[in-house]
């Protein structure tokens, strides 16, 4: 099975996750989401399979504050999708996606079990 990683190469956790996927020998599709931002529809599709709550996908950092966002701006999947489509820098990273499930790869100790469960080829 191919894994997809929503990747920011400037993020050390994202780089470590990509290295772990590659070290496991899993096939990986790397999506540099800052270069190719997700549409609102794509974020909504991601949220449907994300094991984490929708609001967890949004970083609460200086950009969040600079944009004068509040928790009420990200308290539903639709609001999260709108915010992230307009401001992809606010997306948590990395996000690992298998066929029908996704996780935020933070903390990093979530990455290994996800790769083990979803990143190996089925026995033939």
N, C-alpha and C. Protein backbone atom coordinates (compact mmCIF):
# COMPACT_ATOMS: atom_id res chain seq x y z
N UNK A 1 0.85 -1.18 0.00
CA UNK A 1 0.00 0.00 0.00
C UNK A 1 0.90 1.24 0.00
N UNK A 2 0.48 2.24 -0.73
CA UNK A 2 1.21 3.49 -0.77
C UNK A 2 0.68 4.42 0.32
N UNK A 3 1.60 5.02 1.06
CA UNK A 3 1.24 6.04 2.02
C UNK A 3 1.43 7.40 1.38
N UNK A 4 0.65 8.35 1.82
CA UNK A 4 0.82 9.73 1.40
C UNK A 4 1.22 10.51 2.63
N UNK A 5 2.18 11.42 2.47
CA UNK A 5 2.56 12.30 3.55
C UNK A 5 2.37 13.74 3.09
N UNK A 6 1.60 14.49 3.87
CA UNK A 6 1.50 15.93 3.65
C UNK A 6 2.70 16.50 4.38
N UNK A 7 3.66 16.99 3.61
CA UNK A 7 5.02 17.20 4.08
C UNK A 7 5.45 18.66 3.96
N UNK A 8 6.15 19.11 5.00
CA UNK A 8 6.82 20.40 4.97
C UNK A 8 8.29 20.11 5.24
N UNK A 9 9.16 20.22 4.23
CA UNK A 9 10.56 19.85 4.41
C UNK A 9 11.30 20.73 5.41
N UNK A 10 10.74 21.85 5.80
CA UNK A 10 11.38 22.72 6.79
C UNK A 10 11.08 22.26 8.23
N UNK A 11 10.17 21.32 8.38
CA UNK A 11 9.76 20.82 9.70
C UNK A 11 10.55 19.55 10.03
N UNK A 12 11.24 19.55 11.16
CA UNK A 12 12.05 18.38 11.52
C UNK A 12 11.19 17.15 11.76
N UNK A 13 10.01 17.30 12.35
CA UNK A 13 9.14 16.15 12.58
C UNK A 13 8.66 15.57 11.25
N UNK A 14 8.36 16.43 10.31
CA UNK A 14 7.92 15.98 8.99
C UNK A 14 9.07 15.24 8.28
N UNK A 15 10.27 15.77 8.38
CA UNK A 15 11.43 15.09 7.76
C UNK A 15 11.65 13.73 8.40
N UNK A 16 11.56 13.66 9.73
CA UNK A 16 11.74 12.38 10.43
C UNK A 16 10.67 11.37 10.02
N UNK A 17 9.45 11.83 9.84
CA UNK A 17 8.37 10.92 9.43
C UNK A 17 8.64 10.38 8.03
N UNK A 18 9.05 11.24 7.12
CA UNK A 18 9.36 10.79 5.76
C UNK A 18 10.51 9.79 5.79
N UNK A 19 11.54 10.06 6.57
CA UNK A 19 12.67 9.13 6.69
C UNK A 19 12.20 7.78 7.24
N UNK A 20 11.30 7.80 8.21
CA UNK A 20 10.79 6.55 8.79
C UNK A 20 10.00 5.74 7.76
N UNK A 21 9.20 6.42 6.97
CA UNK A 21 8.43 5.73 5.93
C UNK A 21 9.39 5.08 4.93
N UNK A 22 10.37 5.85 4.49
CA UNK A 22 11.33 5.33 3.52
C UNK A 22 12.16 4.19 4.11
N UNK A 23 12.57 4.33 5.37
CA UNK A 23 13.36 3.27 6.03
C UNK A 23 12.56 1.98 6.16
N UNK A 24 11.25 2.09 6.30
CA UNK A 24 10.39 0.91 6.40
C UNK A 24 10.18 0.25 5.05
N UNK A 25 10.62 0.91 3.99
CA UNK A 25 10.45 0.35 2.65
C UNK A 25 9.06 0.54 2.08
N UNK A 26 8.27 1.37 2.72
CA UNK A 26 6.90 1.62 2.23
C UNK A 26 6.95 2.57 1.04
N UNK A 27 6.03 2.36 0.13
CA UNK A 27 5.89 3.31 -0.97
C UNK A 27 5.28 4.58 -0.41
N UNK A 28 5.76 5.72 -0.90
CA UNK A 28 5.27 6.99 -0.35
C UNK A 28 5.06 8.00 -1.47
N UNK A 29 3.97 8.71 -1.35
CA UNK A 29 3.66 9.84 -2.22
C UNK A 29 3.82 11.08 -1.36
N UNK A 30 4.76 11.93 -1.71
CA UNK A 30 5.05 13.13 -0.92
C UNK A 30 4.30 14.32 -1.52
N UNK A 31 3.46 14.93 -0.70
CA UNK A 31 2.71 16.12 -1.12
C UNK A 31 3.23 17.28 -0.30
N UNK A 32 3.90 18.20 -0.97
CA UNK A 32 4.40 19.40 -0.30
C UNK A 32 3.25 20.41 -0.29
N UNK A 33 2.47 20.35 0.77
CA UNK A 33 1.19 21.06 0.82
C UNK A 33 1.33 22.58 0.80
N UNK A 34 2.51 23.10 1.09
CA UNK A 34 2.69 24.55 0.98
C UNK A 34 2.88 24.96 -0.48
N UNK A 35 3.44 24.05 -1.27
CA UNK A 35 3.62 24.31 -2.71
C UNK A 35 2.34 24.02 -3.49
N UNK A 36 1.59 23.04 -3.02
CA UNK A 36 0.33 22.63 -3.66
C UNK A 36 -0.74 22.55 -2.58
N UNK A 37 -1.28 23.70 -2.16
CA UNK A 37 -2.26 23.70 -1.06
C UNK A 37 -3.50 22.88 -1.39
N UNK A 38 -4.06 22.30 -0.35
CA UNK A 38 -5.28 21.52 -0.50
C UNK A 38 -6.47 22.47 -0.66
N UNK A 39 -7.41 22.05 -1.47
CA UNK A 39 -8.66 22.80 -1.62
C UNK A 39 -9.53 22.54 -0.39
N UNK A 40 -10.57 23.34 -0.24
CA UNK A 40 -11.51 23.10 0.86
C UNK A 40 -12.07 21.68 0.79
N UNK A 41 -12.43 21.25 -0.41
CA UNK A 41 -13.00 19.90 -0.58
C UNK A 41 -11.98 18.84 -0.17
N UNK A 42 -10.72 19.04 -0.54
CA UNK A 42 -9.68 18.07 -0.19
C UNK A 42 -9.47 18.02 1.33
N UNK A 43 -9.53 19.17 1.98
CA UNK A 43 -9.40 19.18 3.45
C UNK A 43 -10.59 18.47 4.08
N UNK A 44 -11.79 18.71 3.58
CA UNK A 44 -12.97 18.02 4.11
C UNK A 44 -12.85 16.51 3.93
N UNK A 45 -12.35 16.09 2.77
CA UNK A 45 -12.15 14.66 2.53
C UNK A 45 -11.13 14.09 3.52
N UNK A 46 -10.06 14.84 3.76
CA UNK A 46 -9.07 14.41 4.74
C UNK A 46 -9.68 14.30 6.13
N UNK A 47 -10.46 15.29 6.51
CA UNK A 47 -11.07 15.28 7.84
C UNK A 47 -12.01 14.09 8.05
N UNK A 48 -12.60 13.60 6.96
CA UNK A 48 -13.50 12.44 7.08
C UNK A 48 -12.76 11.18 7.50
N UNK A 49 -11.46 11.08 7.17
CA UNK A 49 -10.70 9.88 7.51
C UNK A 49 -9.68 10.13 8.62
N UNK A 50 -9.56 11.37 9.07
CA UNK A 50 -8.58 11.71 10.10
C UNK A 50 -9.00 11.14 11.45
N UNK A 51 -8.09 10.43 12.10
CA UNK A 51 -8.38 9.86 13.42
C UNK A 51 -8.43 10.94 14.50
N UNK A 52 -7.81 12.07 14.24
CA UNK A 52 -7.79 13.17 15.20
C UNK A 52 -9.01 14.06 14.98
N UNK A 53 -9.32 14.90 15.95
CA UNK A 53 -10.46 15.79 15.78
C UNK A 53 -10.10 16.88 14.77
N UNK A 54 -11.10 17.40 14.05
CA UNK A 54 -10.83 18.39 13.00
C UNK A 54 -9.99 19.57 13.47
N UNK A 55 -10.31 20.11 14.64
CA UNK A 55 -9.57 21.27 15.13
C UNK A 55 -8.10 20.99 15.40
N UNK A 56 -7.75 19.71 15.64
CA UNK A 56 -6.35 19.35 15.89
C UNK A 56 -5.48 19.57 14.66
N UNK A 57 -6.09 19.63 13.49
CA UNK A 57 -5.33 19.81 12.25
C UNK A 57 -4.81 21.24 12.09
N UNK A 58 -5.30 22.15 12.91
CA UNK A 58 -4.92 23.56 12.81
C UNK A 58 -3.88 23.90 13.87
N UNK A 59 -2.77 24.45 13.43
CA UNK A 59 -1.72 24.91 14.34
C UNK A 59 -2.16 26.20 15.01
N UNK A 60 -1.96 26.28 16.30
CA UNK A 60 -2.24 27.51 17.05
C UNK A 60 -0.90 28.19 17.27
N UNK A 61 -0.42 28.89 16.27
CA UNK A 61 0.90 29.51 16.35
C UNK A 61 0.80 31.01 16.09
N UNK A 62 1.92 31.64 15.82
CA UNK A 62 1.94 33.08 15.59
C UNK A 62 1.06 33.47 14.40
N UNK A 63 1.04 32.64 13.37
CA UNK A 63 0.20 32.95 12.20
C UNK A 63 -1.27 32.93 12.60
N UNK A 64 -1.67 31.97 13.41
CA UNK A 64 -3.04 31.89 13.90
C UNK A 64 -3.41 33.20 14.61
N UNK A 65 -2.50 33.67 15.44
CA UNK A 65 -2.74 34.93 16.16
C UNK A 65 -2.72 36.13 15.22
N UNK A 66 -1.76 36.16 14.28
CA UNK A 66 -1.67 37.29 13.35
C UNK A 66 -2.93 37.41 12.50
N UNK A 67 -3.54 36.29 12.19
CA UNK A 67 -4.77 36.29 11.40
C UNK A 67 -5.99 36.59 12.26
N UNK A 68 -5.74 36.81 13.55
CA UNK A 68 -6.79 37.13 14.51
C UNK A 68 -7.87 36.04 14.54
N UNK A 69 -7.42 34.79 14.47
CA UNK A 69 -8.34 33.67 14.52
C UNK A 69 -8.62 33.30 15.97
N UNK A 70 -9.76 32.71 16.19
CA UNK A 70 -10.17 32.24 17.51
C UNK A 70 -10.64 30.80 17.38
N UNK A 71 -10.80 30.15 18.52
CA UNK A 71 -11.27 28.76 18.51
C UNK A 71 -12.60 28.63 17.76
N UNK A 72 -13.44 29.63 17.83
CA UNK A 72 -14.73 29.57 17.13
C UNK A 72 -14.56 29.57 15.61
N UNK A 73 -13.37 29.94 15.12
CA UNK A 73 -13.11 29.92 13.68
C UNK A 73 -12.72 28.54 13.18
N UNK A 74 -12.46 27.61 14.11
CA UNK A 74 -12.04 26.26 13.71
C UNK A 74 -12.78 25.20 14.52
N UNK A 75 -14.05 25.47 14.82
CA UNK A 75 -14.80 24.54 15.67
C UNK A 75 -15.73 23.60 14.90
N UNK A 76 -15.55 23.53 13.58
CA UNK A 76 -16.31 22.57 12.79
C UNK A 76 -15.44 22.15 11.59
N UNK A 77 -15.71 20.99 11.02
CA UNK A 77 -14.93 20.58 9.85
C UNK A 77 -14.98 21.62 8.72
N UNK A 78 -16.13 22.20 8.50
CA UNK A 78 -16.27 23.18 7.41
C UNK A 78 -15.41 24.41 7.66
N UNK A 79 -15.39 24.87 8.91
CA UNK A 79 -14.56 26.04 9.24
C UNK A 79 -13.07 25.70 9.15
N UNK A 80 -12.69 24.52 9.62
CA UNK A 80 -11.30 24.09 9.52
C UNK A 80 -10.88 24.04 8.05
N UNK A 81 -11.72 23.47 7.21
CA UNK A 81 -11.41 23.36 5.78
C UNK A 81 -11.23 24.73 5.15
N UNK A 82 -12.10 25.67 5.49
CA UNK A 82 -11.99 27.02 4.93
C UNK A 82 -10.70 27.70 5.39
N UNK A 83 -10.40 27.59 6.67
CA UNK A 83 -9.19 28.23 7.20
C UNK A 83 -7.94 27.64 6.56
N UNK A 84 -7.87 26.31 6.47
CA UNK A 84 -6.66 25.67 5.93
C UNK A 84 -6.53 25.86 4.43
N UNK A 85 -7.63 25.93 3.71
CA UNK A 85 -7.54 26.18 2.27
C UNK A 85 -6.99 27.58 2.02
N UNK A 86 -7.35 28.53 2.87
CA UNK A 86 -6.87 29.90 2.73
C UNK A 86 -5.49 30.11 3.34
N UNK A 87 -5.14 29.30 4.32
CA UNK A 87 -3.89 29.49 5.08
C UNK A 87 -3.21 28.14 5.32
N UNK A 88 -2.64 27.54 4.27
CA UNK A 88 -2.06 26.20 4.43
C UNK A 88 -0.93 26.13 5.47
N UNK A 89 -0.29 27.24 5.78
CA UNK A 89 0.76 27.24 6.80
C UNK A 89 0.24 26.83 8.17
N UNK A 90 -1.07 26.93 8.37
CA UNK A 90 -1.65 26.58 9.66
C UNK A 90 -1.88 25.07 9.82
N UNK A 91 -1.64 24.29 8.77
CA UNK A 91 -1.89 22.85 8.89
C UNK A 91 -0.81 22.18 9.73
N UNK A 92 -1.24 21.36 10.66
CA UNK A 92 -0.30 20.53 11.42
C UNK A 92 0.45 19.64 10.43
N UNK A 93 1.67 19.32 10.79
CA UNK A 93 2.45 18.44 9.93
C UNK A 93 3.33 17.57 10.80
N UNK A 94 3.63 16.43 10.25
CA UNK A 94 3.15 15.86 8.99
C UNK A 94 1.77 15.21 9.18
N UNK A 95 1.10 15.00 8.08
CA UNK A 95 -0.13 14.21 8.08
C UNK A 95 0.17 12.97 7.24
N UNK A 96 -0.09 11.81 7.80
CA UNK A 96 0.11 10.55 7.09
C UNK A 96 -1.24 9.99 6.71
N UNK A 97 -1.33 9.56 5.45
CA UNK A 97 -2.60 9.09 4.92
C UNK A 97 -2.40 7.70 4.31
N UNK A 98 -3.24 6.78 4.71
CA UNK A 98 -3.33 5.48 4.05
C UNK A 98 -4.63 5.53 3.25
N UNK A 99 -5.06 4.43 2.75
CA UNK A 99 -6.24 4.42 1.89
C UNK A 99 -7.48 5.01 2.54
N UNK A 100 -7.75 4.63 3.78
CA UNK A 100 -9.01 5.04 4.40
C UNK A 100 -8.84 5.58 5.81
N UNK A 101 -7.61 5.99 6.14
CA UNK A 101 -7.33 6.51 7.48
C UNK A 101 -6.16 7.49 7.40
N UNK A 102 -6.19 8.48 8.27
CA UNK A 102 -5.11 9.46 8.33
C UNK A 102 -4.85 9.84 9.77
N UNK A 103 -3.61 10.25 10.04
CA UNK A 103 -3.26 10.75 11.37
C UNK A 103 -2.36 11.97 11.22
N UNK A 104 -2.35 12.77 12.27
CA UNK A 104 -1.34 13.80 12.39
C UNK A 104 -0.13 13.12 13.02
N UNK A 105 1.02 13.26 12.42
CA UNK A 105 2.23 12.58 12.89
C UNK A 105 2.93 13.30 14.02
N UNK A 106 2.16 13.83 14.92
CA UNK A 106 2.64 14.52 16.12
C UNK A 106 1.88 14.00 17.30
N UNK A 107 2.50 13.61 18.34
CA UNK A 107 3.94 13.49 18.47
C UNK A 107 4.48 12.38 17.56
N UNK A 108 5.77 12.43 17.35
CA UNK A 108 6.40 11.54 16.38
C UNK A 108 6.18 10.06 16.71
N UNK A 109 5.98 9.72 17.96
CA UNK A 109 5.83 8.30 18.31
C UNK A 109 4.56 7.69 17.72
N UNK A 110 3.70 8.48 17.12
CA UNK A 110 2.52 7.95 16.42
C UNK A 110 2.87 7.40 15.04
N UNK A 111 4.00 7.86 14.49
CA UNK A 111 4.35 7.55 13.10
C UNK A 111 4.68 6.07 12.91
N UNK A 112 5.52 5.51 13.77
CA UNK A 112 5.94 4.11 13.63
C UNK A 112 4.77 3.13 13.59
N UNK A 113 3.88 3.18 14.57
CA UNK A 113 2.74 2.26 14.55
C UNK A 113 1.86 2.43 13.30
N UNK A 114 1.70 3.66 12.83
CA UNK A 114 0.89 3.89 11.63
C UNK A 114 1.56 3.24 10.42
N UNK A 115 2.87 3.41 10.30
CA UNK A 115 3.60 2.79 9.18
C UNK A 115 3.49 1.27 9.27
N UNK A 116 3.67 0.72 10.46
CA UNK A 116 3.60 -0.73 10.62
C UNK A 116 2.23 -1.27 10.21
N UNK A 117 1.19 -0.54 10.57
CA UNK A 117 -0.16 -1.02 10.27
C UNK A 117 -0.56 -0.80 8.82
N UNK A 118 -0.14 0.32 8.25
CA UNK A 118 -0.67 0.71 6.93
C UNK A 118 0.37 0.79 5.82
N UNK A 119 1.65 0.72 6.14
CA UNK A 119 2.66 0.96 5.12
C UNK A 119 3.33 -0.26 4.56
N UNK A 120 2.88 -1.42 4.98
CA UNK A 120 3.50 -2.64 4.47
C UNK A 120 2.64 -3.26 3.38
N UNK A 121 3.31 -3.97 2.52
CA UNK A 121 2.59 -4.64 1.44
C UNK A 121 1.93 -5.89 2.00
N UNK A 122 0.73 -6.21 1.55
CA UNK A 122 0.07 -7.43 2.01
C UNK A 122 0.88 -8.66 1.57
N UNK A 123 0.85 -9.68 2.41
CA UNK A 123 1.54 -10.93 2.06
C UNK A 123 0.90 -11.54 0.83
N UNK A 124 1.77 -12.07 -0.03
CA UNK A 124 1.25 -12.67 -1.28
C UNK A 124 1.15 -14.15 -1.17
